Amino acid sequence: MEGYAAVENHRSIKLEDRQHVHLLIRPDRKYLDYTLNQHIDIFEKAACEVKDNWKMPVFKPQHINLQCARDEGCAGYIFKDIVDRKLDRIKIIGVDGLSDNLDI
């Protein structure tokens, strides 16, 4: 899987933890024939395996909204808030995971 992750704050919701993540990913070619529901199932299962320091799941399936993006507007939507030059909110997703995990 390759792509980008963008960390963003909810603007219209009054929550203590307002951050959420948009992912723009391109799956490996071997998954191109999978249906959206198959991708959702795989992604939700993987996300539910992510645990915090107390071994509690970090993500809940009901908070994951996976959609198929096939137009040029999706990149603009994901990066719409990067006008403040805080590019540290953009993470590259590659074979080693998020770019923060890379040894440079």
Protein backbone atom coordinates (compact mmCIF):
# COMPACT_ATOMS: atom_id res chain seq x y z
CA MET A 1 0.00 0.00 0.00
CA GLU A 2 1.29 3.42 -0.90
CA GLY A 3 -0.23 6.82 -0.27
CA TYR A 4 -0.54 9.73 2.11
CA ALA A 5 -2.04 10.33 5.54
CA ALA A 6 -3.22 13.81 6.55
CA VAL A 7 -3.99 14.63 10.19
CA GLU A 8 -6.84 17.11 10.52
CA ASN A 9 -9.03 18.68 13.20
CA HIS A 10 -12.83 18.56 13.06
CA ARG A 11 -13.92 22.17 12.72
CA SER A 12 -17.63 21.82 13.35
CA ILE A 13 -17.58 19.31 16.19
CA LYS A 14 -16.92 20.24 19.81
CA LEU A 15 -14.89 17.27 20.99
CA GLU A 16 -12.00 16.95 23.41
CA ASP A 17 -10.01 15.01 20.83
CA ARG A 18 -10.97 16.50 17.48
CA GLN A 19 -8.20 15.03 15.35
CA HIS A 20 -8.89 12.55 12.60
CA VAL A 21 -6.90 11.14 9.71
CA HIS A 22 -7.61 11.11 5.99
CA LEU A 23 -5.81 8.42 4.03
CA LEU A 24 -5.31 8.55 0.30
CA ILE A 25 -3.97 5.14 -0.64
CA ARG A 26 -3.25 3.12 -3.72
CA PRO A 27 -3.48 -0.60 -3.03
CA ASP A 28 -1.04 -3.13 -4.40
CA ARG A 29 -1.94 -4.29 -7.91
CA LYS A 30 -2.93 -7.73 -6.60
CA TYR A 31 -5.89 -6.10 -4.80
CA LEU A 32 -7.24 -4.10 -7.75
CA ASP A 33 -9.99 -6.66 -8.42
CA TYR A 34 -11.26 -6.56 -4.82
CA THR A 35 -14.64 -4.96 -4.17
CA LEU A 36 -14.97 -1.95 -1.88
CA ASN A 37 -16.57 -4.19 0.75
CA GLN A 38 -13.57 -6.54 0.65
CA HIS A 39 -11.23 -3.56 1.14
CA ILE A 40 -13.37 -2.31 4.03
CA ASP A 41 -13.28 -5.73 5.70
CA ILE A 42 -9.48 -6.01 5.39
CA PHE A 43 -8.90 -2.45 6.58
CA GLU A 44 -11.25 -2.72 9.57
CA LYS A 45 -9.69 -6.00 10.71
CA ALA A 46 -6.19 -4.50 10.48
CA ALA A 47 -7.24 -1.26 12.21
CA CYS A 48 -8.82 -3.19 15.10
CA GLU A 49 -5.48 -4.89 15.72
CA VAL A 50 -3.83 -1.54 16.56
CA LYS A 51 -3.66 -1.30 20.36
CA ASP A 52 -2.63 1.44 22.77
CA ASN A 53 -0.25 1.08 25.74
CA TRP A 54 -3.05 -0.55 27.76
CA LYS A 55 -3.74 -3.15 25.03
CA MET A 56 -7.02 -1.42 24.14
CA PRO A 57 -8.04 -0.99 20.48
CA VAL A 58 -7.22 2.46 19.11
CA PHE A 59 -9.80 2.37 16.30
CA LYS A 60 -13.43 1.27 16.19
CA PRO A 61 -15.03 0.04 12.95
CA GLN A 62 -17.97 2.45 13.38
CA HIS A 63 -15.50 5.35 13.23
CA ILE A 64 -13.90 4.21 9.98
CA ASN A 65 -15.38 5.57 6.77
CA LEU A 66 -13.68 3.95 3.81
CA GLN A 67 -14.71 5.28 0.41
CA CYS A 68 -13.52 4.74 -3.11
CA ALA A 69 -11.97 7.92 -4.53
CA ARG A 70 -11.58 7.96 -8.27
CA ASP A 71 -11.36 11.61 -9.20
CA GLU A 72 -8.76 14.34 -9.08
CA GLY A 73 -10.69 16.20 -6.38
CA CYS A 74 -9.85 13.74 -3.61
CA ALA A 75 -6.26 14.97 -3.22
CA GLY A 76 -7.46 18.55 -2.98
CA TYR A 77 -9.98 17.56 -0.34
CA ILE A 78 -7.43 15.70 1.77
CA PHE A 79 -4.84 18.48 1.59
CA LYS A 80 -7.31 21.39 1.82
CA ASP A 81 -6.11 22.56 5.22
CA ILE A 82 -2.41 22.63 4.39
CA VAL A 83 -2.44 26.35 3.81
CA ASP A 84 -0.76 27.11 7.15
CA ARG A 85 2.47 25.41 6.01
CA LYS A 86 2.26 22.82 8.81
CA LEU A 87 3.44 20.06 6.54
CA ASP A 88 4.26 17.84 9.52
CA ARG A 89 0.60 16.82 9.38
CA ILE A 90 1.24 15.04 6.07
CA LYS A 91 2.72 11.56 6.33
CA ILE A 92 3.86 9.39 3.44
CA ILE A 93 2.69 5.77 3.53
CA GLY A 94 5.12 3.30 2.00
CA VAL A 95 6.45 -0.22 2.38
CA ASP A 96 7.79 0.62 5.85
CA GLY A 97 4.57 2.23 7.10
CA LEU A 98 4.21 5.92 7.89
CA SER A 99 7.12 8.19 7.02
CA ASP A 100 7.67 8.93 10.73
CA ASN A 101 8.83 5.34 11.11
CA LEU A 102 11.68 5.69 8.64
CA ASP A 103 15.27 5.93 9.80
CA ILE A 104 16.74 8.89 7.96
